[in-house]
Amino acid sequence: MGLDSFWHWIILLVVVLVIFGTSKLSKIGPDLGNAVRGFKKAMQGDEEEEEAKRKSQEQLRADPPAPEGAASKARDTSQTK
């Protein structure tokens, strides 16, 4: 006498419709789809975030560009000699 009978499923469906209403049930599909898409994006975002971190660390290892004032002084001293 479990939920094997067709009538049990019909009664359960009617109770769910009465409690939640058809408007809320129609919104379940798109909401579930958005949740799955967000989850997939978050999983891919972790890999992209790691890649961005690695690139930023590589850029930090490079020599910083010389300040403009130092470059002009170096040119001035080489021209005067």
Protein backbone atom coordinates (compact mmCIF):
# COMPACT_ATOMS: atom_id res chain seq x y z
CA MET A 1 0.00 0.00 0.00
CA GLY A 2 2.92 2.33 -0.78
CA LEU A 3 3.14 4.85 -3.58
CA ASP A 4 2.91 2.16 -6.25
CA SER A 5 -0.70 2.86 -7.11
CA PHE A 6 -1.73 5.31 -9.84
CA TRP A 7 -4.28 6.92 -7.51
CA HIS A 8 -1.66 7.67 -4.88
CA TRP A 9 0.34 9.61 -7.45
CA ILE A 10 -2.76 11.53 -8.60
CA ILE A 11 -3.63 12.48 -5.01
CA LEU A 12 -0.04 13.53 -4.36
CA LEU A 13 -0.04 15.69 -7.51
CA VAL A 14 -3.30 17.38 -6.49
CA VAL A 15 -1.94 18.12 -3.01
CA VAL A 16 1.26 19.61 -4.45
CA LEU A 17 -0.75 21.78 -6.86
CA VAL A 18 -2.97 23.01 -4.04
CA ILE A 19 -0.03 23.84 -1.78
CA PHE A 20 2.31 25.46 -4.31
CA GLY A 21 -0.04 26.59 -7.06
CA THR A 22 0.61 26.39 -10.77
CA SER A 23 2.48 29.70 -11.00
CA LYS A 24 5.21 28.58 -8.61
CA LEU A 25 5.48 25.19 -10.29
CA SER A 26 5.94 26.78 -13.72
CA LYS A 27 8.89 28.80 -12.39
CA ILE A 28 10.73 25.72 -11.10
CA GLY A 29 12.10 24.72 -14.53
CA PRO A 30 13.80 28.02 -15.42
CA ASP A 31 15.06 28.48 -11.87
CA LEU A 32 16.59 25.01 -11.89
CA GLY A 33 18.17 25.69 -15.30
CA ASN A 34 19.70 28.95 -14.08
CA ALA A 35 21.07 27.21 -11.00
CA VAL A 36 22.73 24.52 -13.10
CA ARG A 37 24.21 27.12 -15.49
CA GLY A 38 25.53 29.12 -12.53
CA PHE A 39 27.09 26.01 -11.04
CA LYS A 40 28.82 25.13 -14.33
CA LYS A 41 30.08 28.70 -14.71
CA ALA A 42 31.44 28.67 -11.16
CA MET A 43 33.27 25.42 -11.81
CA GLN A 44 34.88 26.83 -14.96
CA GLY A 45 35.57 30.14 -13.24
CA ASP A 46 37.90 28.47 -10.75
CA GLU A 47 40.16 27.32 -13.57
CA GLU A 48 40.13 30.75 -15.19
CA GLU A 49 40.86 32.38 -11.85
CA GLU A 50 43.87 30.10 -11.31
CA GLU A 51 45.13 30.97 -14.81
CA ALA A 52 44.78 34.71 -14.07
CA LYS A 53 46.66 34.31 -10.77
CA ARG A 54 49.47 32.45 -12.48
CA LYS A 55 49.78 35.13 -15.19
CA SER A 56 49.83 37.94 -12.63
CA GLN A 57 52.60 36.18 -10.68
CA GLU A 58 54.63 35.83 -13.88
CA GLN A 59 54.25 39.55 -14.54
CA LEU A 60 55.42 40.37 -11.03
CA ARG A 61 58.68 38.49 -11.64
CA ALA A 62 59.61 40.71 -14.60
CA ASP A 63 61.61 43.89 -14.09
CA PRO A 64 59.42 46.94 -13.68
CA PRO A 65 59.69 49.60 -16.37
CA ALA A 66 62.13 52.40 -15.66
CA PRO A 67 60.59 55.67 -14.56
CA GLU A 68 60.46 58.34 -17.25
CA GLY A 69 62.65 60.73 -15.30
CA ALA A 70 65.50 58.25 -15.12
CA ALA A 71 65.34 57.53 -18.84
CA SER A 72 65.57 61.21 -19.75
CA LYS A 73 68.55 61.72 -17.40
CA ALA A 74 70.32 58.78 -18.99
CA ARG A 75 69.81 60.28 -22.44
CA ASP A 76 70.94 63.72 -21.30
CA THR A 77 74.19 62.41 -19.80
CA SER A 78 75.00 60.32 -22.88
CA GLN A 79 74.48 63.28 -25.21
CA THR A 80 76.66 65.69 -23.24
CA LYS A 81 79.72 63.45 -23.25
